[in-house]
PDB file of N, CA and C in Angstrom:
ATOM      1  N   VAL A   1     -37.986  14.486  49.328  1.00  0.00           N
ATOM      2  CA  VAL A   1     -36.985  14.004  49.915  1.00  0.00           C
ATOM      3  C   VAL A   1     -37.482  12.927  51.019  1.00  0.00           C
ATOM      4  N   THR A   2     -36.681  11.711  50.938  1.00  0.00           N
ATOM      5  CA  THR A   2     -37.378  10.740  52.106  1.00  0.00           C
ATOM      6  C   THR A   2     -36.281  10.843  53.076  1.00  0.00           C
ATOM      7  N   ARG A   3     -36.542  10.434  54.626  1.00  0.00           N
ATOM      8  CA  ARG A   3     -35.559  10.445  55.433  1.00  0.00           C
ATOM      9  C   ARG A   3     -34.872   8.873  55.414  1.00  0.00           C
ATOM     10  N   LEU A   4     -33.902   8.877  55.718  1.00  0.00           N
ATOM     11  CA  LEU A   4     -33.107   7.678  55.819  1.00  0.00           C
ATOM     12  C   LEU A   4     -33.283   7.013  57.465  1.00  0.00           C
ATOM     13  N   ASP A   5     -33.228   5.941  57.725  1.00  0.00           N
ATOM     14  CA  ASP A   5     -32.958   5.388  58.949  1.00  0.00           C
ATOM     15  C   ASP A   5     -31.468   5.639  59.475  1.00  0.00           C
ATOM     16  N   ASP A   6     -31.315   5.419  60.696  1.00  0.00           N
ATOM     17  CA  ASP A   6     -29.944   5.322  61.097  1.00  0.00           C
ATOM     18  C   ASP A   6     -28.903   4.692  60.155  1.00  0.00           C
ATOM     19  N   GLU A   7     -29.199   3.449  60.173  1.00  0.00           N
ATOM     20  CA  GLU A   7     -28.643   2.329  59.411  1.00  0.00           C
ATOM     21  C   GLU A   7     -27.929   2.875  58.288  1.00  0.00           C
ATOM     22  N   ALA A   8     -29.103   2.969  57.395  1.00  0.00           N
ATOM     23  CA  ALA A   8     -29.018   3.610  56.120  1.00  0.00           C
ATOM     24  C   ALA A   8     -28.037   4.844  55.625  1.00  0.00           C
ATOM     25  N   LEU A   9     -28.079   5.870  57.043  1.00  0.00           N
ATOM     26  CA  LEU A   9     -27.516   6.837  56.378  1.00  0.00           C
ATOM     27  C   LEU A   9     -26.140   6.394  56.818  1.00  0.00           C
ATOM     28  N   VAL A  10     -25.734   5.813  58.290  1.00  0.00           N
ATOM     29  CA  VAL A  10     -24.396   5.532  58.531  1.00  0.00           C
ATOM     30  C   VAL A  10     -23.716   4.515  57.458  1.00  0.00           C
ATOM     31  N   ASN A  11     -24.312   3.680  56.695  1.00  0.00           N
ATOM     32  CA  ASN A  11     -23.838   2.797  55.603  1.00  0.00           C
ATOM     33  C   ASN A  11     -23.610   3.374  54.783  1.00  0.00           C
ATOM     34  N   GLY A  12     -24.490   4.472  54.126  1.00  0.00           N
ATOM     35  CA  GLY A  12     -24.411   5.530  53.100  1.00  0.00           C
ATOM     36  C   GLY A  12     -22.972   6.037  53.068  1.00  0.00           C
ATOM     37  N   ILE A  13     -22.863   6.777  54.272  1.00  0.00           N
ATOM     38  CA  ILE A  13     -21.863   7.774  54.481  1.00  0.00           C
ATOM     39  C   ILE A  13     -20.386   6.674  54.299  1.00  0.00           C
ATOM     40  N   ALA A  14     -20.494   5.597  54.836  1.00  0.00           N
ATOM     41  CA  ALA A  14     -19.297   4.726  54.942  1.00  0.00           C
ATOM     42  C   ALA A  14     -18.998   4.218  53.527  1.00  0.00           C
ATOM     43  N   GLN A  15     -19.968   4.335  52.851  1.00  0.00           N
ATOM     44  CA  GLN A  15     -19.668   3.796  51.450  1.00  0.00           C
ATOM     45  C   GLN A  15     -19.104   5.124  50.387  1.00  0.00           C
ATOM     46  N   ILE A  16     -19.616   6.162  50.403  1.00  0.00           N
ATOM     47  CA  ILE A  16     -19.220   7.161  49.825  1.00  0.00           C
ATOM     48  C   ILE A  16     -17.836   7.811  50.061  1.00  0.00           C
ATOM     49  N   ALA A  17     -17.960   7.956  51.630  1.00  0.00           N
ATOM     50  CA  ALA A  17     -16.511   8.645  52.127  1.00  0.00           C
ATOM     51  C   ALA A  17     -15.240   8.299  51.256  1.00  0.00           C
ATOM     52  N   PRO A  18     -14.489   9.410  51.269  1.00  0.00           N
ATOM     53  CA  PRO A  18     -13.087   8.707  50.588  1.00  0.00           C
ATOM     54  C   PRO A  18     -12.009   8.723  51.625  1.00  0.00           C
ATOM     55  N   PHE A  19     -12.601   7.585  52.357  1.00  0.00           N
ATOM     56  CA  PHE A  19     -11.345   6.940  53.303  1.00  0.00           C
ATOM     57  C   PHE A  19     -10.419   5.996  52.313  1.00  0.00           C
ATOM     58  N   ASP A  20      -9.159   5.968  53.269  1.00  0.00           N
ATOM     59  CA  ASP A  20      -8.245   4.751  52.556  1.00  0.00           C
ATOM     60  C   ASP A  20      -8.964   3.249  52.803  1.00  0.00           C
ATOM     61  N   PRO A  21      -7.954   2.383  52.209  1.00  0.00           N
ATOM     62  CA  PRO A  21      -8.813   1.137  51.971  1.00  0.00           C
ATOM     63  C   PRO A  21      -8.663   0.270  53.374  1.00  0.00           C
ATOM     64  N   ALA A  22      -7.778   0.648  54.393  1.00  0.00           N
ATOM     65  CA  ALA A  22      -7.408   0.044  55.888  1.00  0.00           C
ATOM     66  C   ALA A  22      -8.889   0.892  56.666  1.00  0.00           C
ATOM     67  N   ALA A  23      -9.393   1.915  56.493  1.00  0.00           N
ATOM     68  CA  ALA A  23     -10.357   2.500  57.130  1.00  0.00           C
ATOM     69  C   ALA A  23     -11.617   2.000  56.723  1.00  0.00           C
ATOM     70  N   LYS A  24     -11.921   1.905  55.129  1.00  0.00           N
ATOM     71  CA  LYS A  24     -13.283   1.239  54.782  1.00  0.00           C
ATOM     72  C   LYS A  24     -13.321  -0.282  55.360  1.00  0.00           C
ATOM     73  N   GLN A  25     -12.051  -0.984  55.595  1.00  0.00           N
ATOM     74  CA  GLN A  25     -12.217  -2.279  55.914  1.00  0.00           C
ATOM     75  C   GLN A  25     -12.414  -2.508  57.571  1.00  0.00           C
ATOM     76  N   ALA A  26     -11.933  -1.535  58.195  1.00  0.00           N
ATOM     77  CA  ALA A  26     -12.311  -1.490  59.761  1.00  0.00           C
ATOM     78  C   ALA A  26     -13.707  -0.875  59.886  1.00  0.00           C
ATOM     79  N   LEU A  27     -14.350  -0.172  58.953  1.00  0.00           N
ATOM     80  CA  LEU A  27     -15.915   0.140  58.599  1.00  0.00           C
ATOM     81  C   LEU A  27     -16.708  -1.288  58.412  1.00  0.00           C
ATOM     82  N   LEU A  28     -16.041  -2.107  57.685  1.00  0.00           N
ATOM     83  CA  LEU A  28     -16.831  -3.182  57.381  1.00  0.00           C
ATOM     84  C   LEU A  28     -16.781  -4.253  58.626  1.00  0.00           C
ATOM     85  N   GLU A  29     -15.652  -3.959  59.115  1.00  0.00           N
ATOM     86  CA  GLU A  29     -15.509  -5.099  60.603  1.00  0.00           C
ATOM     87  C   GLU A  29     -16.328  -4.405  61.182  1.00  0.00           C
ATOM     88  N   ALA A  30     -16.963  -3.235  61.581  1.00  0.00           N
ATOM     89  CA  ALA A  30     -17.584  -2.934  62.728  1.00  0.00           C
ATOM     90  C   ALA A  30     -19.115  -3.737  62.788  1.00  0.00           C
ATOM     91  N   ARG A  31     -19.200  -4.523  63.929  1.00  0.00           N
ATOM     92  CA  ARG A  31     -20.359  -5.316  64.152  1.00  0.00           C
ATOM     93  C   ARG A  31     -21.533  -4.439  64.085  1.00  0.00           C
ATOM     94  N   LYS A  32     -21.576  -3.668  65.228  1.00  0.00           N
ATOM     95  CA  LYS A  32     -22.855  -2.648  65.334  1.00  0.00           C
ATOM     96  C   LYS A  32     -23.008  -1.444  65.043  1.00  0.00           C
ATOM     97  N   LEU A  33     -23.947  -0.881  64.820  1.00  0.00           N
ATOM     98  CA  LEU A  33     -24.196   0.485  63.945  1.00  0.00           C
ATOM     99  C   LEU A  33     -23.418   1.546  64.764  1.00  0.00           C
ATOM    100  N   ASP A  34     -23.717   1.667  66.161  1.00  0.00           N
ATOM    101  CA  ASP A  34     -23.282   2.657  66.833  1.00  0.00           C
ATOM    102  C   ASP A  34     -21.613   2.673  66.991  1.00  0.00           C
ATOM    103  N   GLU A  35     -21.138   1.410  66.877  1.00  0.00           N
ATOM    104  CA  GLU A  35     -19.630   1.310  66.696  1.00  0.00           C
ATOM    105  C   GLU A  35     -19.009   2.016  65.103  1.00  0.00           C
ATOM    106  N   ARG A  36     -19.876   1.567  64.319  1.00  0.00           N
ATOM    107  CA  ARG A  36     -19.820   1.939  62.648  1.00  0.00           C
ATOM    108  C   ARG A  36     -19.691   3.735  62.911  1.00  0.00           C
ATOM    109  N   ALA A  37     -20.643   4.104  63.568  1.00  0.00           N
ATOM    110  CA  ALA A  37     -20.721   5.387  63.396  1.00  0.00           C
ATOM    111  C   ALA A  37     -19.830   6.443  64.138  1.00  0.00           C
ATOM    112  N   GLU A  38     -19.595   5.654  65.567  1.00  0.00           N
ATOM    113  CA  GLU A  38     -18.387   6.759  66.090  1.00  0.00           C
ATOM    114  C   GLU A  38     -17.412   6.558  65.401  1.00  0.00           C
ATOM    115  N   LEU A  39     -16.897   4.889  64.859  1.00  0.00           N
ATOM    116  CA  LEU A  39     -15.542   5.295  63.866  1.00  0.00           C
ATOM    117  C   LEU A  39     -15.839   6.223  62.413  1.00  0.00           C
ATOM    118  N   ILE A  40     -16.868   6.220  62.109  1.00  0.00           N
ATOM    119  CA  ILE A  40     -17.026   7.472  61.169  1.00  0.00           C
ATOM    120  C   ILE A  40     -16.556   8.769  61.328  1.00  0.00           C
ATOM    121  N   VAL A  41     -16.865   9.185  62.643  1.00  0.00           N
ATOM    122  CA  VAL A  41     -17.045  10.519  63.355  1.00  0.00           C
ATOM    123  C   VAL A  41     -15.221  10.366  63.512  1.00  0.00           C
ATOM    124  N   GLN A  42     -14.557   9.330  63.928  1.00  0.00           N
ATOM    125  CA  GLN A  42     -13.333   9.493  64.321  1.00  0.00           C
ATOM    126  C   GLN A  42     -12.561   9.770  62.856  1.00  0.00           C
ATOM    127  N   LEU A  43     -12.971   8.884  61.833  1.00  0.00           N
ATOM    128  CA  LEU A  43     -12.209   8.919  60.684  1.00  0.00           C
ATOM    129  C   LEU A  43     -12.183  10.191  60.090  1.00  0.00           C
ATOM    130  N   LEU A  44     -13.611  10.895  60.081  1.00  0.00           N
ATOM    131  CA  LEU A  44     -13.883  12.031  59.654  1.00  0.00           C
ATOM    132  C   LEU A  44     -12.865  13.000  60.247  1.00  0.00           C
ATOM    133  N   GLN A  45     -12.809  12.878  61.726  1.00  0.00           N
ATOM    134  CA  GLN A  45     -11.963  13.921  62.406  1.00  0.00           C
ATOM    135  C   GLN A  45     -10.332  13.715  61.953  1.00  0.00           C
ATOM    136  N   PHE A  46      -9.904  12.540  61.659  1.00  0.00           N
ATOM    137  CA  PHE A  46      -8.385  12.365  61.733  1.00  0.00           C
ATOM    138  C   PHE A  46      -8.195  12.614  60.191  1.00  0.00           C
ATOM    139  N   PHE A  47      -9.053  12.229  59.296  1.00  0.00           N
ATOM    140  CA  PHE A  47      -8.783  12.866  57.528  1.00  0.00           C
ATOM    141  C   PHE A  47      -9.118  14.160  57.545  1.00  0.00           C
ATOM    142  N   GLY A  48      -9.694  14.640  58.101  1.00  0.00           N
ATOM    143  CA  GLY A  48     -10.152  16.264  58.227  1.00  0.00           C
ATOM    144  C   GLY A  48      -9.207  17.414  58.847  1.00  0.00           C
ATOM    145  N   ARG A  49      -8.564  16.797  59.503  1.00  0.00           N
ATOM    146  CA  ARG A  49      -7.855  17.778  60.075  1.00  0.00           C
ATOM    147  C   ARG A  49      -6.981  18.900  59.193  1.00  0.00           C
ATOM    148  N   HIS A  50      -6.748  20.119  59.846  1.00  0.00           N
ATOM    149  CA  HIS A  50      -6.248  21.111  58.793  1.00  0.00           C
ATOM    150  C   HIS A  50      -4.911  20.739  58.329  1.00  0.00           C
ATOM    151  N   ASP A  51      -4.859  21.084  57.223  1.00  0.00           N
ATOM    152  CA  ASP A  51      -4.054  21.006  56.408  1.00  0.00           C
ATOM    153  C   ASP A  51      -2.605  21.968  56.182  1.00  0.00           C
ATOM    154  N   GLY A  52      -2.913  23.145  57.330  1.00  0.00           N
ATOM    155  CA  GLY A  52      -2.123  24.434  57.129  1.00  0.00           C
ATOM    156  C   GLY A  52      -2.515  25.537  56.603  1.00  0.00           C
ATOM    157  N   ASP A  53      -3.715  25.444  55.547  1.00  0.00           N
ATOM    158  CA  ASP A  53      -4.014  26.489  55.146  1.00  0.00           C
ATOM    159  C   ASP A  53      -5.311  27.092  55.355  1.00  0.00           C
ATOM    160  N   ASP A  54      -5.793  26.669  56.233  1.00  0.00           N
ATOM    161  CA  ASP A  54      -7.242  26.995  57.251  1.00  0.00           C
ATOM    162  C   ASP A  54      -8.465  26.240  56.269  1.00  0.00           C
ATOM    163  N   ARG A  55      -8.127  25.362  55.672  1.00  0.00           N
ATOM    164  CA  ARG A  55      -9.062  24.718  55.143  1.00  0.00           C
ATOM    165  C   ARG A  55      -9.245  23.223  55.864  1.00  0.00           C
ATOM    166  N   VAL A  56     -10.217  22.732  55.452  1.00  0.00           N
ATOM    167  CA  VAL A  56     -10.272  21.233  56.103  1.00  0.00           C
ATOM    168  C   VAL A  56     -10.637  20.596  54.917  1.00  0.00           C
ATOM    169  N   THR A  57      -9.931  19.587  54.737  1.00  0.00           N
ATOM    170  CA  THR A  57      -9.995  18.562  53.762  1.00  0.00           C
ATOM    171  C   THR A  57     -10.140  16.930  54.055  1.00  0.00           C
ATOM    172  N   LEU A  58     -10.581  16.371  53.537  1.00  0.00           N
ATOM    173  CA  LEU A  58     -10.648  14.832  53.465  1.00  0.00           C
ATOM    174  C   LEU A  58      -9.684  14.149  52.513  1.00  0.00           C
ATOM    175  N   GLN A  59      -9.151  14.765  51.811  1.00  0.00           N
ATOM    176  CA  GLN A  59      -8.385  13.985  50.657  1.00  0.00           C
ATOM    177  C   GLN A  59      -6.831  14.452  50.850  1.00  0.00           C
TER     178      GLN A  59
END
């Protein structure tokens, strides 16, 4: 297993994450890597909120 650099990891997560089109567009528009990474964290927190049955889901 090879290690990914930060940019490859952040971009890979952005590509495969089950975000809606508006969130994906926001990720595309983030100019800097640190901005994109912070946005991913925020999106994961937003989309991963509890849905009432003690499970965290992204969809």
